[in-house]
Amino acid sequence: MRSALRTIIHPCLGEIGSLGSPLKRGVAVSAIAHSIEVWQVKAACRGPQAAVFFPPPQFERKDEKLDRERRAKAICAACTVREDCLEYAVRIREPHGIWGGLNETERKSMWPESVN
């Protein structure tokens, strides 16, 4: 459930209501709404181009992935909250998508070491 919430609150997804269901989910919607950070409403990725920030549900060839990521990173490069987005994704160890101009592999190298 936690991973699903992270995907839901990616700034490029816009309003919670845009997920295809009305805001009738009570506690779940309330929890998601409180998780949205101020910088997310200013993100350049909000809107119809959101699909480029995550892989498609079907198979994606390497050249398609690189092109999709290049387009997403170009949007991030012009974003005024790119640093906030990247810091957030690193802090929560987001395992999917383009956040703050970096893909999951690029961000993983920034994760703090685990304490055992």
PDB file of N, CA and C in Angstrom:
ATOM      1  N   MET A   1       0.822  -1.190   0.000  1.00  0.00           N
ATOM      2  CA  MET A   1       0.000   0.000   0.000  1.00  0.00           C
ATOM      3  C   MET A   1       0.866   1.254   0.000  1.00  0.00           C
ATOM      4  N   ARG A   2       1.967   1.228   0.720  1.00  0.00           N
ATOM      5  CA  ARG A   2       2.827   2.396   0.821  1.00  0.00           C
ATOM      6  C   ARG A   2       3.373   2.806  -0.540  1.00  0.00           C
ATOM      7  N   SER A   3       3.807   1.843  -1.356  1.00  0.00           N
ATOM      8  CA  SER A   3       4.315   2.145  -2.681  1.00  0.00           C
ATOM      9  C   SER A   3       3.231   2.761  -3.549  1.00  0.00           C
ATOM     10  N   ALA A   4       2.008   2.247  -3.448  1.00  0.00           N
ATOM     11  CA  ALA A   4       0.903   2.792  -4.227  1.00  0.00           C
ATOM     12  C   ALA A   4       0.646   4.245  -3.847  1.00  0.00           C
ATOM     13  N   LEU A   5       0.747   4.573  -2.575  1.00  0.00           N
ATOM     14  CA  LEU A   5       0.541   5.952  -2.156  1.00  0.00           C
ATOM     15  C   LEU A   5       1.603   6.857  -2.748  1.00  0.00           C
ATOM     16  N   ARG A   6       2.829   6.398  -2.800  1.00  0.00           N
ATOM     17  CA  ARG A   6       3.888   7.217  -3.377  1.00  0.00           C
ATOM     18  C   ARG A   6       3.593   7.505  -4.837  1.00  0.00           C
ATOM     19  N   THR A   7       3.165   6.504  -5.574  1.00  0.00           N
ATOM     20  CA  THR A   7       2.839   6.703  -6.971  1.00  0.00           C
ATOM     21  C   THR A   7       1.699   7.698  -7.107  1.00  0.00           C
ATOM     22  N   ILE A   8       0.695   7.572  -6.258  1.00  0.00           N
ATOM     23  CA  ILE A   8      -0.459   8.455  -6.321  1.00  0.00           C
ATOM     24  C   ILE A   8      -0.070   9.905  -6.079  1.00  0.00           C
ATOM     25  N   ILE A   9       0.888  10.155  -5.219  1.00  0.00           N
ATOM     26  CA  ILE A   9       1.201  11.536  -4.895  1.00  0.00           C
ATOM     27  C   ILE A   9       2.348  12.115  -5.715  1.00  0.00           C
ATOM     28  N   HIS A  10       2.799  11.439  -6.760  1.00  0.00           N
ATOM     29  CA  HIS A  10       3.805  12.050  -7.624  1.00  0.00           C
ATOM     30  C   HIS A  10       3.208  13.339  -8.160  1.00  0.00           C
ATOM     31  N   PRO A  11       3.950  14.427  -8.150  1.00  0.00           N
ATOM     32  CA  PRO A  11       3.383  15.714  -8.531  1.00  0.00           C
ATOM     33  C   PRO A  11       2.802  15.748  -9.934  1.00  0.00           C
ATOM     34  N   CYS A  12       3.285  14.921 -10.829  1.00  0.00           N
ATOM     35  CA  CYS A  12       2.781  14.981 -12.199  1.00  0.00           C
ATOM     36  C   CYS A  12       1.365  14.447 -12.331  1.00  0.00           C
ATOM     37  N   LEU A  13       0.860  13.773 -11.311  1.00  0.00           N
ATOM     38  CA  LEU A  13      -0.491  13.232 -11.392  1.00  0.00           C
ATOM     39  C   LEU A  13      -1.559  14.263 -11.092  1.00  0.00           C
ATOM     40  N   GLY A  14      -1.189  15.421 -10.634  1.00  0.00           N
ATOM     41  CA  GLY A  14      -2.153  16.487 -10.420  1.00  0.00           C
ATOM     42  C   GLY A  14      -3.096  16.230  -9.274  1.00  0.00           C
ATOM     43  N   GLU A  15      -4.350  16.581  -9.468  1.00  0.00           N
ATOM     44  CA  GLU A  15      -5.339  16.468  -8.412  1.00  0.00           C
ATOM     45  C   GLU A  15      -5.615  15.021  -8.067  1.00  0.00           C
ATOM     46  N   ILE A  16      -5.931  14.765  -6.818  1.00  0.00           N
ATOM     47  CA  ILE A  16      -6.277  13.414  -6.390  1.00  0.00           C
ATOM     48  C   ILE A  16      -7.492  12.930  -7.156  1.00  0.00           C
ATOM     49  N   GLY A  17      -8.440  13.802  -7.421  1.00  0.00           N
ATOM     50  CA  GLY A  17      -9.637  13.429  -8.169  1.00  0.00           C
ATOM     51  C   GLY A  17      -9.337  12.982  -9.584  1.00  0.00           C
ATOM     52  N   SER A  18      -8.174  13.333 -10.115  1.00  0.00           N
ATOM     53  CA  SER A  18      -7.834  12.949 -11.481  1.00  0.00           C
ATOM     54  C   SER A  18      -7.460  11.480 -11.593  1.00  0.00           C
ATOM     55  N   LEU A  19      -7.445  10.754 -10.479  1.00  0.00           N
ATOM     56  CA  LEU A  19      -7.110   9.337 -10.508  1.00  0.00           C
ATOM     57  C   LEU A  19      -8.263   8.494 -11.038  1.00  0.00           C
ATOM     58  N   GLY A  20      -9.375   9.122 -11.373  1.00  0.00           N
ATOM     59  CA  GLY A  20     -10.480   8.401 -11.967  1.00  0.00           C
ATOM     60  C   GLY A  20     -11.609   8.082 -11.014  1.00  0.00           C
ATOM     61  N   SER A  21     -11.476   8.427  -9.776  1.00  0.00           N
ATOM     62  CA  SER A  21     -12.568   8.187  -8.843  1.00  0.00           C
ATOM     63  C   SER A  21     -12.819   9.460  -8.048  1.00  0.00           C
ATOM     64  N   PRO A  22     -14.066   9.716  -7.715  1.00  0.00           N
ATOM     65  CA  PRO A  22     -14.368  10.931  -6.960  1.00  0.00           C
ATOM     66  C   PRO A  22     -13.770  10.886  -5.560  1.00  0.00           C
ATOM     67  N   LEU A  23     -13.694  12.010  -4.939  1.00  0.00           N
ATOM     68  CA  LEU A  23     -13.106  12.106  -3.609  1.00  0.00           C
ATOM     69  C   LEU A  23     -14.075  11.589  -2.546  1.00  0.00           C
ATOM     70  N   LYS A  24     -14.354  10.303  -2.570  1.00  0.00           N
ATOM     71  CA  LYS A  24     -15.277   9.683  -1.624  1.00  0.00           C
ATOM     72  C   LYS A  24     -14.589   8.654  -0.753  1.00  0.00           C
ATOM     73  N   ARG A  25     -13.287   8.577  -0.817  1.00  0.00           N
ATOM     74  CA  ARG A  25     -12.586   7.499  -0.133  1.00  0.00           C
ATOM     75  C   ARG A  25     -12.306   7.783   1.332  1.00  0.00           C
ATOM     76  N   GLY A  26     -12.799   8.841   1.866  1.00  0.00           N
ATOM     77  CA  GLY A  26     -12.664   9.143   3.286  1.00  0.00           C
ATOM     78  C   GLY A  26     -11.247   9.144   3.793  1.00  0.00           C
ATOM     79  N   VAL A  27     -10.929   8.190   4.625  1.00  0.00           N
ATOM     80  CA  VAL A  27      -9.631   8.132   5.291  1.00  0.00           C
ATOM     81  C   VAL A  27      -8.492   8.015   4.290  1.00  0.00           C
ATOM     82  N   ALA A  28      -8.653   7.168   3.266  1.00  0.00           N
ATOM     83  CA  ALA A  28      -7.574   6.984   2.291  1.00  0.00           C
ATOM     84  C   ALA A  28      -7.267   8.292   1.578  1.00  0.00           C
ATOM     85  N   VAL A  29      -8.290   8.975   1.113  1.00  0.00           N
ATOM     86  CA  VAL A  29      -8.087  10.249   0.429  1.00  0.00           C
ATOM     87  C   VAL A  29      -7.500  11.274   1.390  1.00  0.00           C
ATOM     88  N   SER A  30      -7.991  11.296   2.608  1.00  0.00           N
ATOM     89  CA  SER A  30      -7.475  12.227   3.601  1.00  0.00           C
ATOM     90  C   SER A  30      -5.986  11.995   3.845  1.00  0.00           C
ATOM     91  N   ALA A  31      -5.584  10.739   3.970  1.00  0.00           N
ATOM     92  CA  ALA A  31      -4.174  10.409   4.191  1.00  0.00           C
ATOM     93  C   ALA A  31      -3.328  10.848   3.012  1.00  0.00           C
ATOM     94  N   ILE A  32      -3.826  10.634   1.806  1.00  0.00           N
ATOM     95  CA  ILE A  32      -3.089  11.035   0.612  1.00  0.00           C
ATOM     96  C   ILE A  32      -2.993  12.555   0.557  1.00  0.00           C
ATOM     97  N   ALA A  33      -4.102  13.235   0.782  1.00  0.00           N
ATOM     98  CA  ALA A  33      -4.116  14.693   0.712  1.00  0.00           C
ATOM     99  C   ALA A  33      -3.122  15.300   1.695  1.00  0.00           C
ATOM    100  N   HIS A  34      -3.013  14.749   2.882  1.00  0.00           N
ATOM    101  CA  HIS A  34      -2.079  15.272   3.867  1.00  0.00           C
ATOM    102  C   HIS A  34      -0.635  14.945   3.510  1.00  0.00           C
ATOM    103  N   SER A  35      -0.418  13.974   2.633  1.00  0.00           N
ATOM    104  CA  SER A  35       0.927  13.599   2.228  1.00  0.00           C
ATOM    105  C   SER A  35       1.483  14.513   1.139  1.00  0.00           C
ATOM    106  N   ILE A  36       0.627  15.249   0.465  1.00  0.00           N
ATOM    107  CA  ILE A  36       1.075  16.119  -0.615  1.00  0.00           C
ATOM    108  C   ILE A  36       1.841  17.295  -0.014  1.00  0.00           C
ATOM    109  N   GLU A  37       3.030  17.503  -0.520  1.00  0.00           N
ATOM    110  CA  GLU A  37       3.873  18.577  -0.014  1.00  0.00           C
ATOM    111  C   GLU A  37       3.671  19.829  -0.864  1.00  0.00           C
ATOM    112  N   VAL A  38       3.946  20.974  -0.299  1.00  0.00           N
ATOM    113  CA  VAL A  38       3.700  22.255  -0.951  1.00  0.00           C
ATOM    114  C   VAL A  38       4.379  22.352  -2.314  1.00  0.00           C
ATOM    115  N   TRP A  39       5.601  21.889  -2.434  1.00  0.00           N
ATOM    116  CA  TRP A  39       6.325  22.007  -3.695  1.00  0.00           C
ATOM    117  C   TRP A  39       5.635  21.251  -4.824  1.00  0.00           C
ATOM    118  N   GLN A  40       4.879  20.207  -4.498  1.00  0.00           N
ATOM    119  CA  GLN A  40       4.271  19.372  -5.531  1.00  0.00           C
ATOM    120  C   GLN A  40       3.260  20.125  -6.389  1.00  0.00           C
ATOM    121  N   VAL A  41       2.585  21.106  -5.839  1.00  0.00           N
ATOM    122  CA  VAL A  41       1.624  21.863  -6.638  1.00  0.00           C
ATOM    123  C   VAL A  41       2.316  22.781  -7.636  1.00  0.00           C
ATOM    124  N   LYS A  42       3.607  23.031  -7.457  1.00  0.00           N
ATOM    125  CA  LYS A  42       4.372  23.889  -8.360  1.00  0.00           C
ATOM    126  C   LYS A  42       5.163  23.092  -9.397  1.00  0.00           C
ATOM    127  N   ALA A  43       5.082  21.785  -9.362  1.00  0.00           N
ATOM    128  CA  ALA A  43       5.900  20.927 -10.225  1.00  0.00           C
ATOM    129  C   ALA A  43       5.542  21.075 -11.705  1.00  0.00           C
ATOM    130  N   ALA A  44       6.563  21.162 -12.545  1.00  0.00           N
ATOM    131  CA  ALA A  44       6.377  21.312 -13.988  1.00  0.00           C
ATOM    132  C   ALA A  44       5.809  20.054 -14.638  1.00  0.00           C
ATOM    133  N   CYS A  45       5.907  18.933 -13.960  1.00  0.00           N
ATOM    134  CA  CYS A  45       5.452  17.663 -14.538  1.00  0.00           C
ATOM    135  C   CYS A  45       3.944  17.457 -14.432  1.00  0.00           C
ATOM    136  N   ARG A  46       3.243  18.319 -13.734  1.00  0.00           N
ATOM    137  CA  ARG A  46       1.790  18.180 -13.594  1.00  0.00           C
ATOM    138  C   ARG A  46       1.130  18.399 -14.949  1.00  0.00           C
ATOM    139  N   GLY A  47       0.220  17.522 -15.299  1.00  0.00           N
ATOM    140  CA  GLY A  47      -0.516  17.705 -16.542  1.00  0.00           C
ATOM    141  C   GLY A  47      -0.449  16.506 -17.459  1.00  0.00           C
ATOM    142  N   PRO A  48      -0.786  16.727 -18.734  1.00  0.00           N
ATOM    143  CA  PRO A  48      -0.927  15.609 -19.678  1.00  0.00           C
ATOM    144  C   PRO A  48       0.370  14.864 -19.995  1.00  0.00           C
ATOM    145  N   GLN A  49       1.517  15.471 -19.777  1.00  0.00           N
ATOM    146  CA  GLN A  49       2.799  14.822 -20.064  1.00  0.00           C
ATOM    147  C   GLN A  49       3.242  13.864 -18.965  1.00  0.00           C
ATOM    148  N   ALA A  50       2.416  13.651 -17.975  1.00  0.00           N
ATOM    149  CA  ALA A  50       2.773  12.831 -16.810  1.00  0.00           C
ATOM    150  C   ALA A  50       3.206  11.410 -17.159  1.00  0.00           C
ATOM    151  N   ALA A  51       2.714  10.866 -18.240  1.00  0.00           N
ATOM    152  CA  ALA A  51       3.019   9.477 -18.603  1.00  0.00           C
ATOM    153  C   ALA A  51       4.506   9.223 -18.805  1.00  0.00           C
ATOM    154  N   VAL A  52       5.270  10.227 -19.172  1.00  0.00           N
ATOM    155  CA  VAL A  52       6.696  10.001 -19.437  1.00  0.00           C
ATOM    156  C   VAL A  52       7.518   9.793 -18.173  1.00  0.00           C
ATOM    157  N   PHE A  53       6.954  10.030 -17.006  1.00  0.00           N
ATOM    158  CA  PHE A  53       7.707   9.907 -15.759  1.00  0.00           C
ATOM    159  C   PHE A  53       7.752   8.492 -15.195  1.00  0.00           C
ATOM    160  N   PHE A  54       6.934   7.599 -15.731  1.00  0.00           N
ATOM    161  CA  PHE A  54       6.891   6.211 -15.271  1.00  0.00           C
ATOM    162  C   PHE A  54       6.834   5.280 -16.469  1.00  0.00           C
ATOM    163  N   PRO A  55       7.382   4.063 -16.350  1.00  0.00           N
ATOM    164  CA  PRO A  55       7.327   3.116 -17.464  1.00  0.00           C
ATOM    165  C   PRO A  55       5.885   2.708 -17.764  1.00  0.00           C
ATOM    166  N   PRO A  56       5.622   2.377 -19.022  1.00  0.00           N
ATOM    167  CA  PRO A  56       4.272   1.932 -19.385  1.00  0.00           C
ATOM    168  C   PRO A  56       3.997   0.541 -18.818  1.00  0.00           C
ATOM    169  N   PRO A  57       2.726   0.144 -18.754  1.00  0.00           N
ATOM    170  CA  PRO A  57       2.398  -1.180 -18.209  1.00  0.00           C
ATOM    171  C   PRO A  57       2.891  -2.329 -19.095  1.00  0.00           C
ATOM    172  N   GLN A  58       3.057  -2.078 -20.387  1.00  0.00           N
ATOM    173  CA  GLN A  58       3.551  -3.114 -21.287  1.00  0.00           C
ATOM    174  C   GLN A  58       5.075  -2.999 -21.436  1.00  0.00           C
ATOM    175  N   PHE A  59       5.666  -3.975 -22.115  1.00  0.00           N
ATOM    176  CA  PHE A  59       7.114  -4.004 -22.323  1.00  0.00           C
ATOM    177  C   PHE A  59       7.593  -2.714 -22.982  1.00  0.00           C
ATOM    178  N   GLU A  60       8.746  -2.240 -22.555  1.00  0.00           N
ATOM    179  CA  GLU A  60       9.352  -1.034 -23.102  1.00  0.00           C
ATOM    180  C   GLU A  60      10.775  -1.374 -23.546  1.00  0.00           C
ATOM    181  N   ARG A  61      11.067  -1.187 -24.847  1.00  0.00           N
ATOM    182  CA  ARG A  61      12.417  -1.430 -25.345  1.00  0.00           C
ATOM    183  C   ARG A  61      13.374  -0.389 -24.755  1.00  0.00           C
ATOM    184  N   LYS A  62      14.654  -0.727 -24.748  1.00  0.00           N
ATOM    185  CA  LYS A  62      15.652   0.162 -24.149  1.00  0.00           C
ATOM    186  C   LYS A  62      15.646   1.538 -24.814  1.00  0.00           C
ATOM    187  N   ASP A  63      15.569   1.583 -26.149  1.00  0.00           N
ATOM    188  CA  ASP A  63      15.561   2.878 -26.833  1.00  0.00           C
ATOM    189  C   ASP A  63      14.311   3.688 -26.482  1.00  0.00           C
ATOM    190  N   GLU A  64      13.180   3.014 -26.289  1.00  0.00           N
ATOM    191  CA  GLU A  64      11.950   3.697 -25.886  1.00  0.00           C
ATOM    192  C   GLU A  64      12.090   4.248 -24.464  1.00  0.00           C
ATOM    193  N   LYS A  65      12.700   3.446 -23.590  1.00  0.00           N
ATOM    194  CA  LYS A  65      12.909   3.883 -22.204  1.00  0.00           C
ATOM    195  C   LYS A  65      13.812   5.109 -22.165  1.00  0.00           C
ATOM    196  N   LEU A  66      14.908   5.057 -22.903  1.00  0.00           N
ATOM    197  CA  LEU A  66      15.843   6.180 -22.915  1.00  0.00           C
ATOM    198  C   LEU A  66      15.181   7.447 -23.451  1.00  0.00           C
ATOM    199  N   ASP A  67      14.353   7.303 -24.498  1.00  0.00           N
ATOM    200  CA  ASP A  67      13.652   8.455 -25.064  1.00  0.00           C
ATOM    201  C   ASP A  67      12.633   9.013 -24.069  1.00  0.00           C
ATOM    202  N   ARG A  68      11.870   8.123 -23.428  1.00  0.00           N
ATOM    203  CA  ARG A  68      10.875   8.556 -22.439  1.00  0.00           C
ATOM    204  C   ARG A  68      11.563   9.279 -21.281  1.00  0.00           C
ATOM    205  N   GLU A  69      12.647   8.706 -20.780  1.00  0.00           N
ATOM    206  CA  GLU A  69      13.372   9.330 -19.674  1.00  0.00           C
ATOM    207  C   GLU A  69      13.993  10.665 -20.086  1.00  0.00           C
ATOM    208  N   ARG A  70      14.479  10.755 -21.317  1.00  0.00           N
ATOM    209  CA  ARG A  70      15.048  12.013 -21.809  1.00  0.00           C
ATOM    210  C   ARG A  70      13.981  13.109 -21.809  1.00  0.00           C
ATOM    211  N   ARG A  71      12.770  12.763 -22.267  1.00  0.00           N
ATOM    212  CA  ARG A  71      11.676  13.740 -22.284  1.00  0.00           C
ATOM    213  C   ARG A  71      11.289  14.166 -20.866  1.00  0.00           C
ATOM    214  N   ALA A  72      11.221  13.210 -19.953  1.00  0.00           N
ATOM    215  CA  ALA A  72      10.878  13.530 -18.561  1.00  0.00           C
ATOM    216  C   ALA A  72      11.957  14.414 -17.934  1.00  0.00           C
ATOM    217  N   LYS A  73      13.208  14.074 -18.171  1.00  0.00           N
ATOM    218  CA  LYS A  73      14.309  14.842 -17.585  1.00  0.00           C
ATOM    219  C   LYS A  73      14.366  16.261 -18.144  1.00  0.00           C
ATOM    220  N   ALA A  74      13.949  16.447 -19.401  1.00  0.00           N
ATOM    221  CA  ALA A  74      13.896  17.795 -19.980  1.00  0.00           C
ATOM    222  C   ALA A  74      12.849  18.641 -19.260  1.00  0.00           C
ATOM    223  N   ILE A  75      11.728  18.035 -18.902  1.00  0.00           N
ATOM    224  CA  ILE A  75      10.701  18.742 -18.129  1.00  0.00           C
ATOM    225  C   ILE A  75      11.258  19.100 -16.755  1.00  0.00           C
ATOM    226  N   CYS A  76      11.934  18.155 -16.128  1.00  0.00           N
ATOM    227  CA  CYS A  76      12.534  18.399 -14.806  1.00  0.00           C
ATOM    228  C   CYS A  76      13.572  19.522 -14.857  1.00  0.00           C
ATOM    229  N   ALA A  77      14.347  19.575 -15.931  1.00  0.00           N
ATOM    230  CA  ALA A  77      15.418  20.565 -16.035  1.00  0.00           C
ATOM    231  C   ALA A  77      14.888  21.992 -15.963  1.00  0.00           C
ATOM    232  N   ALA A  78      13.656  22.197 -16.420  1.00  0.00           N
ATOM    233  CA  ALA A  78      13.060  23.533 -16.403  1.00  0.00           C
ATOM    234  C   ALA A  78      12.179  23.770 -15.178  1.00  0.00           C
ATOM    235  N   CYS A  79      12.125  22.819 -14.276  1.00  0.00           N
ATOM    236  CA  CYS A  79      11.217  22.886 -13.130  1.00  0.00           C
ATOM    237  C   CYS A  79      11.826  23.676 -11.970  1.00  0.00           C
ATOM    238  N   THR A  80      11.039  24.556 -11.394  1.00  0.00           N
ATOM    239  CA  THR A  80      11.520  25.389 -10.286  1.00  0.00           C
ATOM    240  C   THR A  80      11.617  24.634  -8.961  1.00  0.00           C
ATOM    241  N   VAL A  81      10.994  23.460  -8.874  1.00  0.00           N
ATOM    242  CA  VAL A  81      11.033  22.687  -7.623  1.00  0.00           C
ATOM    243  C   VAL A  81      11.773  21.355  -7.795  1.00  0.00           C
ATOM    244  N   ARG A  82      12.640  21.283  -8.803  1.00  0.00           N
ATOM    245  CA  ARG A  82      13.366  20.044  -9.093  1.00  0.00           C
ATOM    246  C   ARG A  82      14.157  19.548  -7.887  1.00  0.00           C
ATOM    247  N   GLU A  83      14.845  20.433  -7.204  1.00  0.00           N
ATOM    248  CA  GLU A  83      15.654  20.023  -6.049  1.00  0.00           C
ATOM    249  C   GLU A  83      14.788  19.483  -4.916  1.00  0.00           C
ATOM    250  N   ASP A  84      13.648  20.118  -4.669  1.00  0.00           N
ATOM    251  CA  ASP A  84      12.726  19.625  -3.634  1.00  0.00           C
ATOM    252  C   ASP A  84      12.215  18.235  -3.990  1.00  0.00           C
ATOM    253  N   CYS A  85      11.899  18.046  -5.258  1.00  0.00           N
ATOM    254  CA  CYS A  85      11.394  16.763  -5.744  1.00  0.00           C
ATOM    255  C   CYS A  85      12.442  15.665  -5.568  1.00  0.00           C
ATOM    256  N   LEU A  86      13.672  15.964  -5.965  1.00  0.00           N
ATOM    257  CA  LEU A  86      14.748  14.988  -5.836  1.00  0.00           C
ATOM    258  C   LEU A  86      15.016  14.657  -4.370  1.00  0.00           C
ATOM    259  N   GLU A  87      15.056  15.668  -3.530  1.00  0.00           N
ATOM    260  CA  GLU A  87      15.295  15.443  -2.098  1.00  0.00           C
ATOM    261  C   GLU A  87      14.203  14.551  -1.513  1.00  0.00           C
ATOM    262  N   TYR A  88      12.972  14.802  -1.894  1.00  0.00           N
ATOM    263  CA  TYR A  88      11.837  14.002  -1.417  1.00  0.00           C
ATOM    264  C   TYR A  88      11.981  12.546  -1.863  1.00  0.00           C
ATOM    265  N   ALA A  89      12.270  12.336  -3.137  1.00  0.00           N
ATOM    266  CA  ALA A  89      12.391  10.976  -3.668  1.00  0.00           C
ATOM    267  C   ALA A  89      13.533  10.209  -3.010  1.00  0.00           C
ATOM    268  N   VAL A  90      14.643  10.878  -2.743  1.00  0.00           N
ATOM    269  CA  VAL A  90      15.771  10.230  -2.065  1.00  0.00           C
ATOM    270  C   VAL A  90      15.396   9.928  -0.615  1.00  0.00           C
ATOM    271  N   ARG A  91      14.740  10.875   0.032  1.00  0.00           N
ATOM    272  CA  ARG A  91      14.364  10.699   1.445  1.00  0.00           C
ATOM    273  C   ARG A  91      13.426   9.513   1.642  1.00  0.00           C
ATOM    274  N   ILE A  92      12.460   9.338   0.742  1.00  0.00           N
ATOM    275  CA  ILE A  92      11.514   8.226   0.900  1.00  0.00           C
ATOM    276  C   ILE A  92      11.971   6.966   0.156  1.00  0.00           C
ATOM    277  N   ARG A  93      13.144   7.056  -0.459  1.00  0.00           N
ATOM    278  CA  ARG A  93      13.705   5.936  -1.231  1.00  0.00           C
ATOM    279  C   ARG A  93      12.730   5.444  -2.296  1.00  0.00           C
ATOM    280  N   GLU A  94      12.204   6.389  -3.071  1.00  0.00           N
ATOM    281  CA  GLU A  94      11.242   6.076  -4.127  1.00  0.00           C
ATOM    282  C   GLU A  94      11.893   5.162  -5.162  1.00  0.00           C
ATOM    283  N   PRO A  95      11.340   3.957  -5.374  1.00  0.00           N
ATOM    284  CA  PRO A  95      11.961   2.992  -6.274  1.00  0.00           C
ATOM    285  C   PRO A  95      11.508   3.067  -7.735  1.00  0.00           C
ATOM    286  N   HIS A  96      10.618   3.985  -8.077  1.00  0.00           N
ATOM    287  CA  HIS A  96      10.067   4.011  -9.433  1.00  0.00           C
ATOM    288  C   HIS A  96      10.042   5.422 -10.008  1.00  0.00           C
ATOM    289  N   GLY A  97      10.229   5.514 -11.314  1.00  0.00           N
ATOM    290  CA  GLY A  97       9.995   6.752 -12.041  1.00  0.00           C
ATOM    291  C   GLY A  97      11.107   7.779 -11.995  1.00  0.00           C
ATOM    292  N   ILE A  98      10.847   8.875 -12.723  1.00  0.00           N
ATOM    293  CA  ILE A  98      11.760  10.013 -12.770  1.00  0.00           C
ATOM    294  C   ILE A  98      11.292  11.012 -11.721  1.00  0.00           C
ATOM    295  N   TRP A  99      12.170  11.362 -10.828  1.00  0.00           N
ATOM    296  CA  TRP A  99      11.895  12.345  -9.772  1.00  0.00           C
ATOM    297  C   TRP A  99      13.089  13.290  -9.715  1.00  0.00           C
ATOM    298  N   GLY A 100      12.853  14.579  -9.796  1.00  0.00           N
ATOM    299  CA  GLY A 100      13.942  15.545  -9.679  1.00  0.00           C
ATOM    300  C   GLY A 100      14.989  15.406 -10.764  1.00  0.00           C
ATOM    301  N   GLY A 101      14.605  14.881 -11.899  1.00  0.00           N
ATOM    302  CA  GLY A 101      15.525  14.744 -13.020  1.00  0.00           C
ATOM    303  C   GLY A 101      16.369  13.485 -13.028  1.00  0.00           C
ATOM    304  N   LEU A 102      16.143  12.580 -12.080  1.00  0.00           N
ATOM    305  CA  LEU A 102      16.915  11.335 -12.025  1.00  0.00           C
ATOM    306  C   LEU A 102      15.993  10.123 -12.040  1.00  0.00           C
ATOM    307  N   ASN A 103      16.464   9.053 -12.670  1.00  0.00           N
ATOM    308  CA  ASN A 103      15.693   7.803 -12.646  1.00  0.00           C
ATOM    309  C   ASN A 103      16.022   7.024 -11.379  1.00  0.00           C
ATOM    310  N   GLU A 104      15.362   5.889 -11.209  1.00  0.00           N
ATOM    311  CA  GLU A 104      15.524   5.123  -9.972  1.00  0.00           C
ATOM    312  C   GLU A 104      16.962   4.651  -9.737  1.00  0.00           C
ATOM    313  N   THR A 105      17.662   4.268 -10.781  1.00  0.00           N
ATOM    314  CA  THR A 105      19.048   3.810 -10.637  1.00  0.00           C
ATOM    315  C   THR A 105      19.954   4.963 -10.216  1.00  0.00           C
ATOM    316  N   GLU A 106      19.767   6.114 -10.844  1.00  0.00           N
ATOM    317  CA  GLU A 106      20.576   7.289 -10.507  1.00  0.00           C
ATOM    318  C   GLU A 106      20.320   7.754  -9.069  1.00  0.00           C
ATOM    319  N   ARG A 107      19.065   7.691  -8.630  1.00  0.00           N
ATOM    320  CA  ARG A 107      18.742   8.105  -7.260  1.00  0.00           C
ATOM    321  C   ARG A 107      19.253   7.129  -6.220  1.00  0.00           C
ATOM    322  N   LYS A 108      19.255   5.851  -6.554  1.00  0.00           N
ATOM    323  CA  LYS A 108      19.651   4.838  -5.568  1.00  0.00           C
ATOM    324  C   LYS A 108      21.060   5.094  -5.042  1.00  0.00           C
ATOM    325  N   SER A 109      21.937   5.615  -5.874  1.00  0.00           N
ATOM    326  CA  SER A 109      23.306   5.905  -5.423  1.00  0.00           C
ATOM    327  C   SER A 109      23.344   7.044  -4.403  1.00  0.00           C
ATOM    328  N   MET A 110      22.258   7.798  -4.282  1.00  0.00           N
ATOM    329  CA  MET A 110      22.182   8.911  -3.336  1.00  0.00           C
ATOM    330  C   MET A 110      21.555   8.510  -2.003  1.00  0.00           C
ATOM    331  N   TRP A 111      20.989   7.304  -1.928  1.00  0.00           N
ATOM    332  CA  TRP A 111      20.335   6.857  -0.696  1.00  0.00           C
ATOM    333  C   TRP A 111      21.355   6.755   0.423  1.00  0.00           C
ATOM    334  N   PRO A 112      20.980   7.217   1.609  1.00  0.00           N
ATOM    335  CA  PRO A 112      21.892   7.045   2.745  1.00  0.00           C
ATOM    336  C   PRO A 112      22.068   5.563   3.054  1.00  0.00           C
ATOM    337  N   GLU A 113      23.212   5.236   3.600  1.00  0.00           N
ATOM    338  CA  GLU A 113      23.470   3.840   3.967  1.00  0.00           C
ATOM    339  C   GLU A 113      22.481   3.387   5.024  1.00  0.00           C
ATOM    340  N   SER A 114      22.055   2.143   4.939  1.00  0.00           N
ATOM    341  CA  SER A 114      21.142   1.583   5.936  1.00  0.00           C
ATOM    342  C   SER A 114      21.881   1.355   7.239  1.00  0.00           C
ATOM    343  N   VAL A 115      21.192   1.582   8.335  1.00  0.00           N
ATOM    344  CA  VAL A 115      21.750   1.310   9.658  1.00  0.00           C
ATOM    345  C   VAL A 115      21.270  -0.063  10.077  1.00  0.00           C
ATOM    346  N   ASN A 116      22.201  -0.972  10.356  1.00  0.00           N
ATOM    347  CA  ASN A 116      21.825  -2.336  10.752  1.00  0.00           C
ATOM    348  C   ASN A 116      21.941  -2.527  12.228  1.00  0.00           C
TER     349      ASN A 116
END
